[in-house]
């Protein structure tokens, strides 16, 4: 079996990021980012609850949308929980430092 060689490969745009981080972060940007993330996770959970309620009451028959909204809510909750765990871990590490 013969394998032909690849002569030209274009790697334009590889490794470039579309979003550039700000040069100087505001002191309020981290708390507002956490607050926005918590609000988004809460919104996802409320949407999942509403779609499940609509399925149970017979207002909607689309099970796929219910499963997708439940998966989104679960994923955002798990991410929120992991961020919380990392923050607690970081706090504990700082508290263990000797001055």
N, C-alpha and C. Protein backbone atom coordinates (compact mmCIF):
# COMPACT_ATOMS: atom_id res chain seq x y z
N UNK A 1 0.84 -1.16 0.00
CA UNK A 1 0.00 0.00 0.00
C UNK A 1 0.89 1.23 0.00
N UNK A 2 0.67 2.12 -0.92
CA UNK A 2 1.47 3.34 -1.04
C UNK A 2 0.74 4.49 -0.35
N UNK A 3 1.52 5.28 0.38
CA UNK A 3 0.97 6.45 1.05
C UNK A 3 1.60 7.68 0.42
N UNK A 4 0.75 8.58 -0.06
CA UNK A 4 1.28 9.78 -0.70
C UNK A 4 1.60 10.83 0.35
N UNK A 5 2.61 11.63 0.07
CA UNK A 5 3.05 12.66 1.01
C UNK A 5 2.15 13.89 0.90
N UNK A 6 2.06 14.59 2.01
CA UNK A 6 1.32 15.86 2.02
C UNK A 6 2.34 16.95 1.73
N UNK A 7 2.16 17.64 0.62
CA UNK A 7 3.14 18.63 0.20
C UNK A 7 2.92 20.01 0.82
N UNK A 8 1.70 20.43 0.94
CA UNK A 8 1.48 21.78 1.47
C UNK A 8 0.38 21.73 2.53
N UNK A 9 0.71 22.31 3.66
CA UNK A 9 -0.25 22.41 4.75
C UNK A 9 -0.30 23.86 5.18
N UNK A 10 -1.47 24.41 5.20
CA UNK A 10 -1.62 25.81 5.60
C UNK A 10 -2.00 25.87 7.08
N UNK A 11 -1.21 26.58 7.87
CA UNK A 11 -1.47 26.72 9.29
C UNK A 11 -1.78 28.17 9.64
N UNK A 12 -2.39 28.88 8.73
CA UNK A 12 -2.71 30.26 9.00
C UNK A 12 -3.79 30.35 10.06
N UNK A 13 -3.56 31.18 11.04
CA UNK A 13 -4.55 31.38 12.09
C UNK A 13 -4.45 30.40 13.24
N UNK A 14 -3.56 29.42 13.15
CA UNK A 14 -3.42 28.46 14.23
C UNK A 14 -2.69 29.12 15.39
N UNK A 15 -3.24 28.99 16.56
CA UNK A 15 -2.60 29.56 17.75
C UNK A 15 -3.00 31.00 18.04
N UNK A 16 -3.78 31.60 17.19
CA UNK A 16 -4.23 32.97 17.43
C UNK A 16 -5.53 32.93 18.20
N UNK A 17 -5.67 33.84 19.14
CA UNK A 17 -6.91 33.91 19.90
C UNK A 17 -7.75 35.07 19.40
N UNK A 18 -9.03 34.88 19.39
CA UNK A 18 -9.94 35.92 18.92
C UNK A 18 -10.14 36.99 19.98
N UNK A 19 -10.07 36.62 21.24
CA UNK A 19 -10.30 37.55 22.33
C UNK A 19 -8.98 37.88 23.00
N UNK A 20 -8.67 39.14 23.08
CA UNK A 20 -7.46 39.57 23.74
C UNK A 20 -7.80 39.98 25.17
N UNK A 21 -7.05 39.52 26.16
CA UNK A 21 -7.33 39.92 27.53
C UNK A 21 -6.98 41.38 27.74
N UNK A 22 -7.69 42.05 28.64
CA UNK A 22 -7.37 43.46 28.87
C UNK A 22 -5.99 43.61 29.50
N UNK A 23 -5.32 44.71 29.17
CA UNK A 23 -3.98 44.94 29.68
C UNK A 23 -4.01 45.18 31.19
N UNK A 24 -4.96 45.96 31.64
CA UNK A 24 -5.09 46.24 33.06
C UNK A 24 -6.50 45.85 33.48
N UNK A 25 -6.59 44.96 34.44
CA UNK A 25 -7.91 44.51 34.90
C UNK A 25 -8.38 45.41 36.03
N UNK A 26 -9.63 45.77 36.01
CA UNK A 26 -10.22 46.54 37.09
C UNK A 26 -10.34 45.67 38.32
N UNK A 27 -10.37 46.33 39.48
CA UNK A 27 -10.56 45.58 40.71
C UNK A 27 -11.96 44.99 40.76
N UNK A 28 -12.90 45.64 40.11
CA UNK A 28 -14.28 45.18 40.13
C UNK A 28 -14.56 44.13 39.06
N UNK A 29 -13.62 43.85 38.17
CA UNK A 29 -13.91 42.94 37.07
C UNK A 29 -14.05 41.49 37.53
N UNK A 30 -13.25 41.06 38.51
CA UNK A 30 -13.36 39.68 38.97
C UNK A 30 -14.68 39.43 39.71
N UNK A 31 -15.05 40.27 40.67
CA UNK A 31 -16.35 40.05 41.31
C UNK A 31 -17.53 40.14 40.34
N UNK A 32 -17.44 41.05 39.39
CA UNK A 32 -18.54 41.16 38.43
C UNK A 32 -18.58 39.96 37.51
N UNK A 33 -17.41 39.41 37.16
CA UNK A 33 -17.37 38.21 36.31
C UNK A 33 -17.98 37.02 37.05
N UNK A 34 -17.65 36.89 38.33
CA UNK A 34 -18.22 35.80 39.13
C UNK A 34 -19.73 35.98 39.27
N UNK A 35 -20.14 37.22 39.52
CA UNK A 35 -21.57 37.50 39.66
C UNK A 35 -22.32 37.20 38.36
N UNK A 36 -21.74 37.59 37.23
CA UNK A 36 -22.36 37.30 35.93
C UNK A 36 -22.44 35.80 35.69
N UNK A 37 -21.39 35.09 36.06
CA UNK A 37 -21.38 33.64 35.86
C UNK A 37 -22.44 32.96 36.73
N UNK A 38 -22.57 33.40 37.97
CA UNK A 38 -23.59 32.83 38.86
C UNK A 38 -24.99 33.13 38.33
N UNK A 39 -25.18 34.34 37.82
CA UNK A 39 -26.48 34.70 37.26
C UNK A 39 -26.79 33.83 36.05
N UNK A 40 -25.79 33.58 35.21
CA UNK A 40 -25.99 32.74 34.03
C UNK A 40 -26.32 31.31 34.42
N UNK A 41 -25.62 30.78 35.43
CA UNK A 41 -25.90 29.42 35.89
C UNK A 41 -27.31 29.33 36.45
N UNK A 42 -27.72 30.35 37.17
CA UNK A 42 -29.08 30.37 37.72
C UNK A 42 -30.11 30.43 36.60
N UNK A 43 -29.85 31.23 35.58
CA UNK A 43 -30.76 31.33 34.45
C UNK A 43 -30.88 29.99 33.72
N UNK A 44 -29.76 29.31 33.54
CA UNK A 44 -29.78 27.99 32.89
C UNK A 44 -30.63 27.00 33.70
N UNK A 45 -30.48 27.05 35.02
CA UNK A 45 -31.24 26.15 35.89
C UNK A 45 -32.74 26.46 35.81
N UNK A 46 -33.09 27.75 35.81
CA UNK A 46 -34.50 28.12 35.72
C UNK A 46 -35.10 27.71 34.38
N UNK A 47 -34.34 27.86 33.29
CA UNK A 47 -34.82 27.42 31.98
C UNK A 47 -35.04 25.91 31.94
N UNK A 48 -34.12 25.17 32.53
CA UNK A 48 -34.27 23.71 32.56
C UNK A 48 -35.50 23.32 33.37
N UNK A 49 -35.70 23.97 34.51
CA UNK A 49 -36.88 23.67 35.32
C UNK A 49 -38.17 24.00 34.57
N UNK A 50 -38.17 25.13 33.87
CA UNK A 50 -39.36 25.53 33.12
C UNK A 50 -39.64 24.56 31.98
N UNK A 51 -38.61 24.15 31.25
CA UNK A 51 -38.83 23.22 30.15
C UNK A 51 -39.28 21.85 30.65
N UNK A 52 -38.76 21.43 31.79
CA UNK A 52 -39.21 20.17 32.38
C UNK A 52 -40.65 20.26 32.83
N UNK A 53 -41.02 21.39 33.42
CA UNK A 53 -42.40 21.59 33.86
C UNK A 53 -43.35 21.58 32.66
N UNK A 54 -42.94 22.21 31.57
CA UNK A 54 -43.76 22.22 30.36
C UNK A 54 -43.92 20.82 29.78
N UNK A 55 -42.88 20.00 29.86
CA UNK A 55 -42.97 18.63 29.36
C UNK A 55 -43.91 17.80 30.22
N UNK A 56 -43.81 17.96 31.53
CA UNK A 56 -44.63 17.18 32.45
C UNK A 56 -46.10 17.55 32.33
N UNK A 57 -46.39 18.84 32.15
CA UNK A 57 -47.78 19.28 32.07
C UNK A 57 -48.38 19.08 30.68
N UNK A 58 -47.59 18.69 29.70
CA UNK A 58 -48.09 18.43 28.36
C UNK A 58 -48.09 19.64 27.46
N UNK A 59 -47.53 20.76 27.90
CA UNK A 59 -47.49 21.95 27.06
C UNK A 59 -46.46 21.80 25.95
N UNK A 60 -45.49 20.93 26.15
CA UNK A 60 -44.45 20.70 25.15
C UNK A 60 -44.24 19.19 25.01
N UNK A 61 -43.98 18.77 23.78
CA UNK A 61 -43.72 17.35 23.55
C UNK A 61 -42.30 17.11 23.06
N UNK A 62 -41.47 18.13 23.07
CA UNK A 62 -40.12 18.03 22.56
C UNK A 62 -39.17 17.62 23.68
N UNK A 63 -38.91 16.33 23.78
CA UNK A 63 -38.04 15.80 24.83
C UNK A 63 -36.60 16.21 24.59
N UNK A 64 -36.22 16.34 23.34
CA UNK A 64 -34.84 16.70 23.01
C UNK A 64 -34.47 18.06 23.61
N UNK A 65 -35.33 19.04 23.49
CA UNK A 65 -35.04 20.37 24.05
C UNK A 65 -34.93 20.31 25.56
N UNK A 66 -35.74 19.48 26.20
CA UNK A 66 -35.69 19.34 27.65
C UNK A 66 -34.35 18.73 28.07
N UNK A 67 -33.93 17.71 27.37
CA UNK A 67 -32.66 17.05 27.70
C UNK A 67 -31.49 18.00 27.46
N UNK A 68 -31.53 18.77 26.39
CA UNK A 68 -30.46 19.73 26.11
C UNK A 68 -30.41 20.81 27.18
N UNK A 69 -31.56 21.34 27.57
CA UNK A 69 -31.56 22.39 28.60
C UNK A 69 -31.11 21.84 29.94
N UNK A 70 -31.45 20.59 30.25
CA UNK A 70 -30.99 19.98 31.49
C UNK A 70 -29.48 19.76 31.45
N UNK A 71 -28.95 19.36 30.30
CA UNK A 71 -27.50 19.16 30.16
C UNK A 71 -26.75 20.49 30.30
N UNK A 72 -27.29 21.55 29.71
CA UNK A 72 -26.66 22.87 29.84
C UNK A 72 -26.65 23.32 31.30
N UNK A 73 -27.76 23.13 31.98
CA UNK A 73 -27.84 23.52 33.39
C UNK A 73 -26.87 22.70 34.23
N UNK A 74 -26.77 21.41 33.95
CA UNK A 74 -25.85 20.56 34.69
C UNK A 74 -24.40 20.97 34.46
N UNK A 75 -24.07 21.27 33.22
CA UNK A 75 -22.70 21.67 32.89
C UNK A 75 -22.34 23.00 33.53
N UNK A 76 -23.25 23.96 33.49
CA UNK A 76 -22.95 25.25 34.11
C UNK A 76 -22.85 25.12 35.63
N UNK A 77 -23.66 24.24 36.23
CA UNK A 77 -23.56 24.02 37.67
C UNK A 77 -22.24 23.36 38.04
N UNK A 78 -21.83 22.36 37.26
CA UNK A 78 -20.55 21.69 37.55
C UNK A 78 -19.37 22.64 37.40
N UNK A 79 -19.43 23.51 36.40
CA UNK A 79 -18.37 24.49 36.21
C UNK A 79 -18.34 25.47 37.38
N UNK A 80 -19.52 25.93 37.81
CA UNK A 80 -19.60 26.82 38.95
C UNK A 80 -19.05 26.16 40.21
N UNK A 81 -19.36 24.91 40.40
CA UNK A 81 -18.88 24.16 41.56
C UNK A 81 -17.36 24.00 41.52
N UNK A 82 -16.81 23.74 40.34
CA UNK A 82 -15.36 23.59 40.20
C UNK A 82 -14.65 24.91 40.45
N UNK A 83 -15.21 26.00 39.98
CA UNK A 83 -14.63 27.31 40.24
C UNK A 83 -14.63 27.60 41.74
N UNK A 84 -15.74 27.27 42.40
CA UNK A 84 -15.81 27.46 43.84
C UNK A 84 -14.75 26.62 44.55
N UNK A 85 -14.59 25.38 44.14
CA UNK A 85 -13.60 24.51 44.76
C UNK A 85 -12.18 25.06 44.57
N UNK A 86 -11.90 25.58 43.38
CA UNK A 86 -10.57 26.14 43.12
C UNK A 86 -10.34 27.40 43.95
N UNK A 87 -11.37 28.22 44.10
CA UNK A 87 -11.22 29.43 44.92
C UNK A 87 -10.99 29.09 46.38
N UNK A 88 -11.71 28.11 46.89
CA UNK A 88 -11.52 27.69 48.28
C UNK A 88 -10.13 27.10 48.46
N UNK A 89 -9.70 26.30 47.51
CA UNK A 89 -8.35 25.72 47.55
C UNK A 89 -7.28 26.81 47.55
N UNK A 90 -7.46 27.82 46.72
CA UNK A 90 -6.50 28.93 46.66
C UNK A 90 -6.48 29.70 47.97
N UNK A 91 -7.64 29.94 48.54
CA UNK A 91 -7.72 30.64 49.82
C UNK A 91 -7.00 29.85 50.91
N UNK A 92 -7.23 28.55 50.94
CA UNK A 92 -6.58 27.73 51.95
C UNK A 92 -5.06 27.72 51.76
N UNK A 93 -4.61 27.73 50.53
CA UNK A 93 -3.17 27.77 50.26
C UNK A 93 -2.56 29.08 50.73
N UNK A 94 -3.25 30.18 50.51
CA UNK A 94 -2.76 31.48 50.98
C UNK A 94 -2.72 31.51 52.51
N UNK A 95 -3.72 30.92 53.13
CA UNK A 95 -3.76 30.92 54.60
C UNK A 95 -2.65 30.04 55.20
N UNK A 96 -2.17 29.07 54.47
CA UNK A 96 -1.08 28.23 54.96
C UNK A 96 0.29 28.88 54.83
N UNK A 97 0.37 29.96 54.06
CA UNK A 97 1.65 30.63 53.87
C UNK A 97 2.12 31.26 55.18
N UNK A 98 3.41 31.16 55.39
CA UNK A 98 3.99 31.78 56.58
C UNK A 98 4.55 33.14 56.22
N UNK A 99 4.31 34.09 57.10
CA UNK A 99 4.82 35.45 56.83
C UNK A 99 5.97 35.77 57.74
